[in-house]
mmCIF file of all heavy atoms, coordinates in Angstrom:
data_MODEL
# 
_entry.id   MODEL 
# 
loop_
_atom_site.group_PDB 
_atom_site.id 
_atom_site.type_symbol 
_atom_site.label_atom_id 
_atom_site.label_alt_id 
_atom_site.label_comp_id 
_atom_site.label_asym_id 
_atom_site.label_entity_id 
_atom_site.label_seq_id 
_atom_site.pdbx_PDB_ins_code 
_atom_site.Cartn_x 
_atom_site.Cartn_y 
_atom_site.Cartn_z 
_atom_site.occupancy 
_atom_site.B_iso_or_equiv 
_atom_site.pdbx_formal_charge 
_atom_site.auth_seq_id 
_atom_site.auth_comp_id 
_atom_site.auth_asym_id 
_atom_site.auth_atom_id 
_atom_site.pdbx_PDB_model_num 
ATOM 1   N N   . LYS A 1 1  ? 102.291 86.213  125.662 1.00 0.00 ? 1  LYS A N   1 
ATOM 2   C CA  . LYS A 1 1  ? 101.709 87.407  125.051 1.00 0.00 ? 1  LYS A CA  1 
ATOM 3   C C   . LYS A 1 1  ? 101.777 88.635  125.968 1.00 0.00 ? 1  LYS A C   1 
ATOM 4   O O   . LYS A 1 1  ? 101.268 89.696  125.630 1.00 0.00 ? 1  LYS A O   1 
ATOM 5   C CB  . LYS A 1 1  ? 100.238 87.142  124.685 1.00 0.00 ? 1  LYS A CB  1 
ATOM 6   C CG  . LYS A 1 1  ? 100.043 86.049  123.629 1.00 0.00 ? 1  LYS A CG  1 
ATOM 7   C CD  . LYS A 1 1  ? 100.607 86.487  122.289 1.00 0.00 ? 1  LYS A CD  1 
ATOM 8   C CE  . LYS A 1 1  ? 100.333 85.452  121.208 1.00 0.00 ? 1  LYS A CE  1 
ATOM 9   N NZ  . LYS A 1 1  ? 100.869 85.889  119.898 1.00 0.00 ? 1  LYS A NZ  1 
ATOM 10  N N   . LYS A 1 2  ? 102.434 88.464  127.110 1.00 0.00 ? 2  LYS A N   1 
ATOM 11  C CA  . LYS A 1 2  ? 102.465 89.540  128.104 1.00 0.00 ? 2  LYS A CA  1 
ATOM 12  C C   . LYS A 1 2  ? 103.098 90.811  127.553 1.00 0.00 ? 2  LYS A C   1 
ATOM 13  O O   . LYS A 1 2  ? 102.532 91.913  127.681 1.00 0.00 ? 2  LYS A O   1 
ATOM 14  C CB  . LYS A 1 2  ? 103.218 89.070  129.351 1.00 0.00 ? 2  LYS A CB  1 
ATOM 15  C CG  . LYS A 1 2  ? 103.321 90.126  130.440 1.00 0.00 ? 2  LYS A CG  1 
ATOM 16  C CD  . LYS A 1 2  ? 104.026 89.568  131.666 1.00 0.00 ? 2  LYS A CD  1 
ATOM 17  C CE  . LYS A 1 2  ? 104.223 90.627  132.733 1.00 0.00 ? 2  LYS A CE  1 
ATOM 18  N NZ  . LYS A 1 2  ? 104.896 90.072  133.945 1.00 0.00 ? 2  LYS A NZ  1 
ATOM 19  N N   . ASP A 1 3  ? 104.267 90.708  126.938 1.00 0.00 ? 3  ASP A N   1 
ATOM 20  C CA  . ASP A 1 3  ? 104.955 91.893  126.423 1.00 0.00 ? 3  ASP A CA  1 
ATOM 21  C C   . ASP A 1 3  ? 104.121 92.593  125.343 1.00 0.00 ? 3  ASP A C   1 
ATOM 22  O O   . ASP A 1 3  ? 104.069 93.828  125.289 1.00 0.00 ? 3  ASP A O   1 
ATOM 23  C CB  . ASP A 1 3  ? 106.323 91.518  125.849 1.00 0.00 ? 3  ASP A CB  1 
ATOM 24  C CG  . ASP A 1 3  ? 107.315 91.108  126.928 1.00 0.00 ? 3  ASP A CG  1 
ATOM 25  O OD1 . ASP A 1 3  ? 107.052 91.413  128.108 1.00 0.00 ? 3  ASP A OD1 1 
ATOM 26  O OD2 . ASP A 1 3  ? 108.334 90.484  126.596 1.00 0.00 ? 3  ASP A OD2 1 
ATOM 27  N N   . ASP A 1 4  ? 103.441 91.802  124.514 1.00 0.00 ? 4  ASP A N   1 
ATOM 28  C CA  . ASP A 1 4  ? 102.634 92.376  123.434 1.00 0.00 ? 4  ASP A CA  1 
ATOM 29  C C   . ASP A 1 4  ? 101.446 93.160  123.974 1.00 0.00 ? 4  ASP A C   1 
ATOM 30  O O   . ASP A 1 4  ? 101.153 94.258  123.507 1.00 0.00 ? 4  ASP A O   1 
ATOM 31  C CB  . ASP A 1 4  ? 102.134 91.268  122.492 1.00 0.00 ? 4  ASP A CB  1 
ATOM 32  C CG  . ASP A 1 4  ? 103.274 90.581  121.755 1.00 0.00 ? 4  ASP A CG  1 
ATOM 33  O OD1 . ASP A 1 4  ? 104.292 91.243  121.509 1.00 0.00 ? 4  ASP A OD1 1 
ATOM 34  O OD2 . ASP A 1 4  ? 103.141 89.392  121.437 1.00 0.00 ? 4  ASP A OD2 1 
ATOM 35  N N   . VAL A 1 5  ? 100.762 92.589  124.963 1.00 0.00 ? 5  VAL A N   1 
ATOM 36  C CA  . VAL A 1 5  ? 99.582  93.271  125.488 1.00 0.00 ? 5  VAL A CA  1 
ATOM 37  C C   . VAL A 1 5  ? 99.978  94.528  126.267 1.00 0.00 ? 5  VAL A C   1 
ATOM 38  O O   . VAL A 1 5  ? 99.284  95.549  126.241 1.00 0.00 ? 5  VAL A O   1 
ATOM 39  C CB  . VAL A 1 5  ? 98.734  92.320  126.367 1.00 0.00 ? 5  VAL A CB  1 
ATOM 40  C CG1 . VAL A 1 5  ? 99.360  92.056  127.720 1.00 0.00 ? 5  VAL A CG1 1 
ATOM 41  C CG2 . VAL A 1 5  ? 97.339  92.892  126.561 1.00 0.00 ? 5  VAL A CG2 1 
ATOM 42  N N   . VAL A 1 6  ? 101.125 94.478  126.949 1.00 0.00 ? 6  VAL A N   1 
ATOM 43  C CA  . VAL A 1 6  ? 101.589 95.657  127.702 1.00 0.00 ? 6  VAL A CA  1 
ATOM 44  C C   . VAL A 1 6  ? 101.941 96.797  126.735 1.00 0.00 ? 6  VAL A C   1 
ATOM 45  O O   . VAL A 1 6  ? 101.634 97.971  127.010 1.00 0.00 ? 6  VAL A O   1 
ATOM 46  C CB  . VAL A 1 6  ? 102.798 95.287  128.591 1.00 0.00 ? 6  VAL A CB  1 
ATOM 47  C CG1 . VAL A 1 6  ? 103.448 96.538  129.168 1.00 0.00 ? 6  VAL A CG1 1 
ATOM 48  C CG2 . VAL A 1 6  ? 102.350 94.367  129.724 1.00 0.00 ? 6  VAL A CG2 1 
ATOM 49  N N   . LYS A 1 7  ? 102.552 96.485  125.590 1.00 0.00 ? 7  LYS A N   1 
ATOM 50  C CA  . LYS A 1 7  ? 102.850 97.518  124.593 1.00 0.00 ? 7  LYS A CA  1 
ATOM 51  C C   . LYS A 1 7  ? 101.565 98.144  124.056 1.00 0.00 ? 7  LYS A C   1 
ATOM 52  O O   . LYS A 1 7  ? 101.467 99.360  123.866 1.00 0.00 ? 7  LYS A O   1 
ATOM 53  C CB  . LYS A 1 7  ? 103.655 96.912  123.443 1.00 0.00 ? 7  LYS A CB  1 
ATOM 54  C CG  . LYS A 1 7  ? 105.101 96.600  123.787 1.00 0.00 ? 7  LYS A CG  1 
ATOM 55  C CD  . LYS A 1 7  ? 105.835 95.998  122.590 1.00 0.00 ? 7  LYS A CD  1 
ATOM 56  C CE  . LYS A 1 7  ? 107.278 95.645  122.949 1.00 0.00 ? 7  LYS A CE  1 
ATOM 57  N NZ  . LYS A 1 7  ? 107.997 95.034  121.809 1.00 0.00 ? 7  LYS A NZ  1 
ATOM 58  N N   . LYS A 1 8  ? 100.582 97.294  123.813 1.00 0.00 ? 8  LYS A N   1 
ATOM 59  C CA  . LYS A 1 8  ? 99.300  97.787  123.305 1.00 0.00 ? 8  LYS A CA  1 
ATOM 60  C C   . LYS A 1 8  ? 98.602  98.646  124.353 1.00 0.00 ? 8  LYS A C   1 
ATOM 61  O O   . LYS A 1 8  ? 98.002  99.685  124.038 1.00 0.00 ? 8  LYS A O   1 
ATOM 62  C CB  . LYS A 1 8  ? 98.414  96.599  122.940 1.00 0.00 ? 8  LYS A CB  1 
ATOM 63  C CG  . LYS A 1 8  ? 97.269  96.921  122.005 1.00 0.00 ? 8  LYS A CG  1 
ATOM 64  C CD  . LYS A 1 8  ? 97.733  96.977  120.568 1.00 0.00 ? 8  LYS A CD  1 
ATOM 65  C CE  . LYS A 1 8  ? 96.558  97.045  119.606 1.00 0.00 ? 8  LYS A CE  1 
ATOM 66  N NZ  . LYS A 1 8  ? 96.985  97.050  118.199 1.00 0.00 ? 8  LYS A NZ  1 
ATOM 67  N N   . LEU A 1 9  ? 98.682  98.226  125.600 1.00 0.00 ? 9  LEU A N   1 
ATOM 68  C CA  . LEU A 1 9  ? 98.085  98.990  126.696 1.00 0.00 ? 9  LEU A CA  1 
ATOM 69  C C   . LEU A 1 9  ? 98.765  100.341 126.827 1.00 0.00 ? 9  LEU A C   1 
ATOM 70  O O   . LEU A 1 9  ? 98.103  101.376 127.006 1.00 0.00 ? 9  LEU A O   1 
ATOM 71  C CB  . LEU A 1 9  ? 98.206  98.210  128.005 1.00 0.00 ? 9  LEU A CB  1 
ATOM 72  C CG  . LEU A 1 9  ? 97.710  98.935  129.266 1.00 0.00 ? 9  LEU A CG  1 
ATOM 73  C CD1 . LEU A 1 9  ? 96.210  99.200  129.172 1.00 0.00 ? 9  LEU A CD1 1 
ATOM 74  C CD2 . LEU A 1 9  ? 98.030  98.105  130.516 1.00 0.00 ? 9  LEU A CD2 1 
ATOM 75  N N   . GLU A 1 10 ? 100.087 100.362 126.741 1.00 0.00 ? 10 GLU A N   1 
ATOM 76  C CA  . GLU A 1 10 ? 100.824 101.633 126.821 1.00 0.00 ? 10 GLU A CA  1 
ATOM 77  C C   . GLU A 1 10 ? 100.383 102.592 125.726 1.00 0.00 ? 10 GLU A C   1 
ATOM 78  O O   . GLU A 1 10 ? 100.142 103.787 125.979 1.00 0.00 ? 10 GLU A O   1 
ATOM 79  C CB  . GLU A 1 10 ? 102.318 101.368 126.691 1.00 0.00 ? 10 GLU A CB  1 
ATOM 80  C CG  . GLU A 1 10 ? 103.171 102.631 126.725 1.00 0.00 ? 10 GLU A CG  1 
ATOM 81  C CD  . GLU A 1 10 ? 104.446 102.515 125.933 1.00 0.00 ? 10 GLU A CD  1 
ATOM 82  O OE1 . GLU A 1 10 ? 104.854 101.386 125.596 1.00 0.00 ? 10 GLU A OE1 1 
ATOM 83  O OE2 . GLU A 1 10 ? 105.040 103.568 125.625 1.00 0.00 ? 10 GLU A OE2 1 
ATOM 84  N N   . ALA A 1 11 ? 100.248 102.085 124.500 1.00 0.00 ? 11 ALA A N   1 
ATOM 85  C CA  . ALA A 1 11 ? 99.829  102.935 123.378 1.00 0.00 ? 11 ALA A CA  1 
ATOM 86  C C   . ALA A 1 11 ? 98.437  103.493 123.619 1.00 0.00 ? 11 ALA A C   1 
ATOM 87  O O   . ALA A 1 11 ? 98.170  104.676 123.350 1.00 0.00 ? 11 ALA A O   1 
ATOM 88  C CB  . ALA A 1 11 ? 99.862  102.129 122.081 1.00 0.00 ? 11 ALA A CB  1 
ATOM 89  N N   . TYR A 1 12 ? 97.540  102.663 124.142 1.00 0.00 ? 12 TYR A N   1 
ATOM 90  C CA  . TYR A 1 12 ? 96.164  103.113 124.401 1.00 0.00 ? 12 TYR A CA  1 
ATOM 91  C C   . TYR A 1 12 ? 96.121  104.169 125.499 1.00 0.00 ? 12 TYR A C   1 
ATOM 92  O O   . TYR A 1 12 ? 95.460  105.210 125.360 1.00 0.00 ? 12 TYR A O   1 
ATOM 93  C CB  . TYR A 1 12 ? 95.291  101.921 124.779 1.00 0.00 ? 12 TYR A CB  1 
ATOM 94  C CG  . TYR A 1 12 ? 93.915  102.305 125.237 1.00 0.00 ? 12 TYR A CG  1 
ATOM 95  C CD1 . TYR A 1 12 ? 93.012  102.915 124.356 1.00 0.00 ? 12 TYR A CD1 1 
ATOM 96  C CD2 . TYR A 1 12 ? 93.501  102.074 126.550 1.00 0.00 ? 12 TYR A CD2 1 
ATOM 97  C CE1 . TYR A 1 12 ? 91.744  103.281 124.780 1.00 0.00 ? 12 TYR A CE1 1 
ATOM 98  C CE2 . TYR A 1 12 ? 92.235  102.441 126.979 1.00 0.00 ? 12 TYR A CE2 1 
ATOM 99  C CZ  . TYR A 1 12 ? 91.359  103.045 126.088 1.00 0.00 ? 12 TYR A CZ  1 
ATOM 100 O OH  . TYR A 1 12 ? 90.099  103.416 126.512 1.00 0.00 ? 12 TYR A OH  1 
ATOM 101 N N   . LEU A 1 13 ? 96.840  103.926 126.604 1.00 0.00 ? 13 LEU A N   1 
ATOM 102 C CA  . LEU A 1 13 ? 96.843  104.901 127.703 1.00 0.00 ? 13 LEU A CA  1 
ATOM 103 C C   . LEU A 1 13 ? 97.471  106.218 127.265 1.00 0.00 ? 13 LEU A C   1 
ATOM 104 O O   . LEU A 1 13 ? 96.992  107.302 127.636 1.00 0.00 ? 13 LEU A O   1 
ATOM 105 C CB  . LEU A 1 13 ? 97.596  104.322 128.907 1.00 0.00 ? 13 LEU A CB  1 
ATOM 106 C CG  . LEU A 1 13 ? 96.947  103.108 129.594 1.00 0.00 ? 13 LEU A CG  1 
ATOM 107 C CD1 . LEU A 1 13 ? 97.839  102.593 130.718 1.00 0.00 ? 13 LEU A CD1 1 
ATOM 108 C CD2 . LEU A 1 13 ? 95.561  103.457 130.131 1.00 0.00 ? 13 LEU A CD2 1 
ATOM 109 N N   . ASN A 1 14 ? 98.547  106.146 126.472 1.00 0.00 ? 14 ASN A N   1 
ATOM 110 C CA  . ASN A 1 14 ? 99.164  107.365 125.950 1.00 0.00 ? 14 ASN A CA  1 
ATOM 111 C C   . ASN A 1 14 ? 98.195  108.139 125.067 1.00 0.00 ? 14 ASN A C   1 
ATOM 112 O O   . ASN A 1 14 ? 98.110  109.368 125.142 1.00 0.00 ? 14 ASN A O   1 
ATOM 113 C CB  . ASN A 1 14 ? 100.428 107.022 125.159 1.00 0.00 ? 14 ASN A CB  1 
ATOM 114 C CG  . ASN A 1 14 ? 101.686 107.115 126.003 1.00 0.00 ? 14 ASN A CG  1 
ATOM 115 O OD1 . ASN A 1 14 ? 101.855 108.042 126.790 1.00 0.00 ? 14 ASN A OD1 1 
ATOM 116 N ND2 . ASN A 1 14 ? 102.567 106.139 125.858 1.00 0.00 ? 14 ASN A ND2 1 
ATOM 117 N N   . MET A 1 15 ? 97.460  107.422 124.230 1.00 0.00 ? 15 MET A N   1 
ATOM 118 C CA  . MET A 1 15 ? 96.492  108.066 123.351 1.00 0.00 ? 15 MET A CA  1 
ATOM 119 C C   . MET A 1 15 ? 95.406  108.776 124.167 1.00 0.00 ? 15 MET A C   1 
ATOM 120 O O   . MET A 1 15 ? 95.048  109.929 123.889 1.00 0.00 ? 15 MET A O   1 
ATOM 121 C CB  . MET A 1 15 ? 95.838  107.028 122.443 1.00 0.00 ? 15 MET A CB  1 
ATOM 122 C CG  . MET A 1 15 ? 94.815  107.601 121.463 1.00 0.00 ? 15 MET A CG  1 
ATOM 123 S SD  . MET A 1 15 ? 93.693  106.345 120.815 1.00 0.00 ? 15 MET A SD  1 
ATOM 124 C CE  . MET A 1 15 ? 92.689  106.005 122.272 1.00 0.00 ? 15 MET A CE  1 
ATOM 125 N N   . CYS A 1 16 ? 94.894  108.098 125.195 1.00 0.00 ? 16 CYS A N   1 
ATOM 126 C CA  . CYS A 1 16 ? 93.862  108.702 126.048 1.00 0.00 ? 16 CYS A CA  1 
ATOM 127 C C   . CYS A 1 16 ? 94.396  109.935 126.766 1.00 0.00 ? 16 CYS A C   1 
ATOM 128 O O   . CYS A 1 16 ? 93.713  110.965 126.851 1.00 0.00 ? 16 CYS A O   1 
ATOM 129 C CB  . CYS A 1 16 ? 93.366  107.678 127.074 1.00 0.00 ? 16 CYS A CB  1 
ATOM 130 S SG  . CYS A 1 16 ? 92.413  106.320 126.377 1.00 0.00 ? 16 CYS A SG  1 
ATOM 131 N N   . GLN A 1 17 ? 95.627  109.824 127.271 1.00 0.00 ? 17 GLN A N   1 
ATOM 132 C CA  . GLN A 1 17 ? 96.196  110.952 128.009 1.00 0.00 ? 17 GLN A CA  1 
ATOM 133 C C   . GLN A 1 17 ? 96.405  112.171 127.110 1.00 0.00 ? 17 GLN A C   1 
ATOM 134 O O   . GLN A 1 17 ? 96.071  113.299 127.477 1.00 0.00 ? 17 GLN A O   1 
ATOM 135 C CB  . GLN A 1 17 ? 97.524  110.506 128.649 1.00 0.00 ? 17 GLN A CB  1 
ATOM 136 C CG  . GLN A 1 17 ? 98.112  111.492 129.655 1.00 0.00 ? 17 GLN A CG  1 
ATOM 137 C CD  . GLN A 1 17 ? 98.904  112.603 128.998 1.00 0.00 ? 17 GLN A CD  1 
ATOM 138 O OE1 . GLN A 1 17 ? 99.657  112.352 128.052 1.00 0.00 ? 17 GLN A OE1 1 
ATOM 139 N NE2 . GLN A 1 17 ? 98.736  113.819 129.474 1.00 0.00 ? 17 GLN A NE2 1 
ATOM 140 N N   . LYS A 1 18 ? 96.912  111.941 125.911 1.00 0.00 ? 18 LYS A N   1 
ATOM 141 C CA  . LYS A 1 18 ? 97.196  113.049 125.002 1.00 0.00 ? 18 LYS A CA  1 
ATOM 142 C C   . LYS A 1 18 ? 95.920  113.689 124.453 1.00 0.00 ? 18 LYS A C   1 
ATOM 143 O O   . LYS A 1 18 ? 95.874  114.895 124.207 1.00 0.00 ? 18 LYS A O   1 
ATOM 144 C CB  . LYS A 1 18 ? 98.076  112.570 123.851 1.00 0.00 ? 18 LYS A CB  1 
ATOM 145 C CG  . LYS A 1 18 ? 99.504  112.237 124.293 1.00 0.00 ? 18 LYS A CG  1 
ATOM 146 C CD  . LYS A 1 18 ? 100.327 111.627 123.161 1.00 0.00 ? 18 LYS A CD  1 
ATOM 147 C CE  . LYS A 1 18 ? 101.729 111.267 123.644 1.00 0.00 ? 18 LYS A CE  1 
ATOM 148 N NZ  . LYS A 1 18 ? 102.535 110.604 122.588 1.00 0.00 ? 18 LYS A NZ  1 
ATOM 149 N N   . SER A 1 19 ? 94.872  112.872 124.266 1.00 0.00 ? 19 SER A N   1 
ATOM 150 C CA  . SER A 1 19 ? 93.613  113.397 123.730 1.00 0.00 ? 19 SER A CA  1 
ATOM 151 C C   . SER A 1 19 ? 92.705  113.961 124.817 1.00 0.00 ? 19 SER A C   1 
ATOM 152 O O   . SER A 1 19 ? 91.717  114.634 124.522 1.00 0.00 ? 19 SER A O   1 
ATOM 153 C CB  . SER A 1 19 ? 92.870  112.292 122.968 1.00 0.00 ? 19 SER A CB  1 
ATOM 154 O OG  . SER A 1 19 ? 92.462  111.258 123.858 1.00 0.00 ? 19 SER A OG  1 
ATOM 155 N N   . GLY A 1 20 ? 93.033  113.651 126.073 1.00 0.00 ? 20 GLY A N   1 
ATOM 156 C CA  . GLY A 1 20 ? 92.207  114.132 127.183 1.00 0.00 ? 20 GLY A CA  1 
ATOM 157 C C   . GLY A 1 20 ? 90.950  113.311 127.386 1.00 0.00 ? 20 GLY A C   1 
ATOM 158 O O   . GLY A 1 20 ? 90.062  113.705 128.149 1.00 0.00 ? 20 GLY A O   1 
ATOM 159 N N   . SER A 1 21 ? 90.860  112.148 126.738 1.00 0.00 ? 21 SER A N   1 
ATOM 160 C CA  . SER A 1 21 ? 89.674  111.299 126.883 1.00 0.00 ? 21 SER A CA  1 
ATOM 161 C C   . SER A 1 21 ? 89.883  110.272 127.990 1.00 0.00 ? 21 SER A C   1 
ATOM 162 O O   . SER A 1 21 ? 91.018  109.969 128.362 1.00 0.00 ? 21 SER A O   1 
ATOM 163 C CB  . SER A 1 21 ? 89.372  110.585 125.566 1.00 0.00 ? 21 SER A CB  1 
ATOM 164 O OG  . SER A 1 21 ? 90.488  109.807 125.150 1.00 0.00 ? 21 SER A OG  1 
ATOM 165 N N   . ASN A 1 22 ? 88.788  109.755 128.522 1.00 0.00 ? 22 ASN A N   1 
ATOM 166 C CA  . ASN A 1 22 ? 88.871  108.741 129.570 1.00 0.00 ? 22 ASN A CA  1 
ATOM 167 C C   . ASN A 1 22 ? 89.265  107.388 128.994 1.00 0.00 ? 22 ASN A C   1 
ATOM 168 O O   . ASN A 1 22 ? 88.856  107.030 127.884 1.00 0.00 ? 22 ASN A O   1 
ATOM 169 C CB  . ASN A 1 22 ? 87.522  108.584 130.274 1.00 0.00 ? 22 ASN A CB  1 
ATOM 170 C CG  . ASN A 1 22 ? 87.233  109.729 131.215 1.00 0.00 ? 22 ASN A CG  1 
ATOM 171 O OD1 . ASN A 1 22 ? 88.105  110.522 131.533 1.00 0.00 ? 22 ASN A OD1 1 
ATOM 172 N ND2 . ASN A 1 22 ? 85.994  109.819 131.669 1.00 0.00 ? 22 ASN A ND2 1 
ATOM 173 N N   . ALA A 1 23 ? 90.029  106.630 129.747 1.00 0.00 ? 23 ALA A N   1 
ATOM 174 C CA  . ALA A 1 23 ? 90.280  105.228 129.411 1.00 0.00 ? 23 ALA A CA  1 
ATOM 175 C C   . ALA A 1 23 ? 89.090  104.427 129.931 1.00 0.00 ? 23 ALA A C   1 
ATOM 176 O O   . ALA A 1 23 ? 88.538  104.737 130.991 1.00 0.00 ? 23 ALA A O   1 
ATOM 177 C CB  . ALA A 1 23 ? 91.563  104.743 130.065 1.00 0.00 ? 23 ALA A CB  1 
ATOM 178 N N   . SER A 1 24 ? 88.688  103.408 129.198 1.00 0.00 ? 24 SER A N   1 
ATOM 179 C CA  . SER A 1 24 ? 87.537  102.605 129.626 1.00 0.00 ? 24 SER A CA  1 
ATOM 180 C C   . SER A 1 24 ? 87.950  101.160 129.832 1.00 0.00 ? 24 SER A C   1 
ATOM 181 O O   . SER A 1 24 ? 88.763  100.611 129.078 1.00 0.00 ? 24 SER A O   1 
ATOM 182 C CB  . SER A 1 24 ? 86.402  102.685 128.610 1.00 0.00 ? 24 SER A CB  1 
ATOM 183 O OG  . SER A 1 24 ? 86.703  101.926 127.446 1.00 0.00 ? 24 SER A OG  1 
ATOM 184 N N   . LEU A 1 25 ? 87.392  100.561 130.861 1.00 0.00 ? 25 LEU A N   1 
ATOM 185 C CA  . LEU A 1 25 ? 87.695  99.171  131.173 1.00 0.00 ? 25 LEU A CA  1 
ATOM 186 C C   . LEU A 1 25 ? 87.226  98.251  130.047 1.00 0.00 ? 25 LEU A C   1 
ATOM 187 O O   . LEU A 1 25 ? 87.882  97.260  129.726 1.00 0.00 ? 25 LEU A O   1 
ATOM 188 C CB  . LEU A 1 25 ? 87.036  98.781  132.495 1.00 0.00 ? 25 LEU A CB  1 
ATOM 189 C CG  . LEU A 1 25 ? 87.316  97.391  133.062 1.00 0.00 ? 25 LEU A CG  1 
ATOM 190 C CD1 . LEU A 1 25 ? 88.812  97.127  133.170 1.00 0.00 ? 25 LEU A CD1 1 
ATOM 191 C CD2 . LEU A 1 25 ? 86.656  97.227  134.422 1.00 0.00 ? 25 LEU A CD2 1 
ATOM 192 N N   . SER A 1 26 ? 86.106  98.588  129.417 1.00 0.00 ? 26 SER A N   1 
ATOM 193 C CA  . SER A 1 26 ? 85.605  97.753  128.324 1.00 0.00 ? 26 SER A CA  1 
ATOM 194 C C   . SER A 1 26 ? 86.563  97.770  127.135 1.00 0.00 ? 26 SER A C   1 
ATOM 195 O O   . SER A 1 26 ? 86.769  96.749  126.477 1.00 0.00 ? 26 SER A O   1 
ATOM 196 C CB  . SER A 1 26 ? 84.214  98.232  127.881 1.00 0.00 ? 26 SER A CB  1 
ATOM 197 O OG  . SER A 1 26 ? 84.262  99.566  127.412 1.00 0.00 ? 26 SER A OG  1 
ATOM 198 N N   . HIS A 1 27 ? 87.177  98.927  126.850 1.00 0.00 ? 27 HIS A N   1 
ATOM 199 C CA  . HIS A 1 27 ? 88.139  98.998  125.749 1.00 0.00 ? 27 HIS A CA  1 
ATOM 200 C C   . HIS A 1 27 ? 89.415  98.223  126.099 1.00 0.00 ? 27 HIS A C   1 
ATOM 201 O O   . HIS A 1 27 ? 89.992  97.539  125.238 1.00 0.00 ? 27 HIS A O   1 
ATOM 202 C CB  . HIS A 1 27 ? 88.488  100.455 125.444 1.00 0.00 ? 27 HIS A CB  1 
ATOM 203 C CG  . HIS A 1 27 ? 89.294  100.625 124.187 1.00 0.00 ? 27 HIS A CG  1 
ATOM 204 N ND1 . HIS A 1 27 ? 88.751  101.031 122.987 1.00 0.00 ? 27 HIS A ND1 1 
ATOM 205 C CD2 . HIS A 1 27 ? 90.615  100.413 123.945 1.00 0.00 ? 27 HIS A CD2 1 
ATOM 206 C CE1 . HIS A 1 27 ? 89.697  101.063 122.064 1.00 0.00 ? 27 HIS A CE1 1 
ATOM 207 N NE2 . HIS A 1 27 ? 90.840  100.697 122.623 1.00 0.00 ? 27 HIS A NE2 1 
ATOM 208 N N   . ILE A 1 28 ? 89.851  98.320  127.340 1.00 0.00 ? 28 ILE A N   1 
ATOM 209 C CA  . ILE A 1 28 ? 91.045  97.591  127.770 1.00 0.00 ? 28 ILE A CA  1 
ATOM 210 C C   . ILE A 1 28 ? 90.797  96.085  127.689 1.00 0.00 ? 28 ILE A C   1 
ATOM 211 O O   . ILE A 1 28 ? 91.677  95.310  127.308 1.00 0.00 ? 28 ILE A O   1 
ATOM 212 C CB  . ILE A 1 28 ? 91.449  98.022  129.198 1.00 0.00 ? 28 ILE A CB  1 
ATOM 213 C CG1 . ILE A 1 28 ? 91.887  99.494  129.192 1.00 0.00 ? 28 ILE A CG1 1 
ATOM 214 C CG2 . ILE A 1 28 ? 92.570  97.138  129.745 1.00 0.00 ? 28 ILE A CG2 1 
ATOM 215 C CD1 . ILE A 1 28 ? 92.033  100.101 130.569 1.00 0.00 ? 28 ILE A CD1 1 
# 
């Protein structure tokens, strides 16, 4: 499941960066 979780993580980090919001460890 490594490739799947990394893709999901990339999408989440990109979303946080573009929106200017903080990434949270609990969400990850």
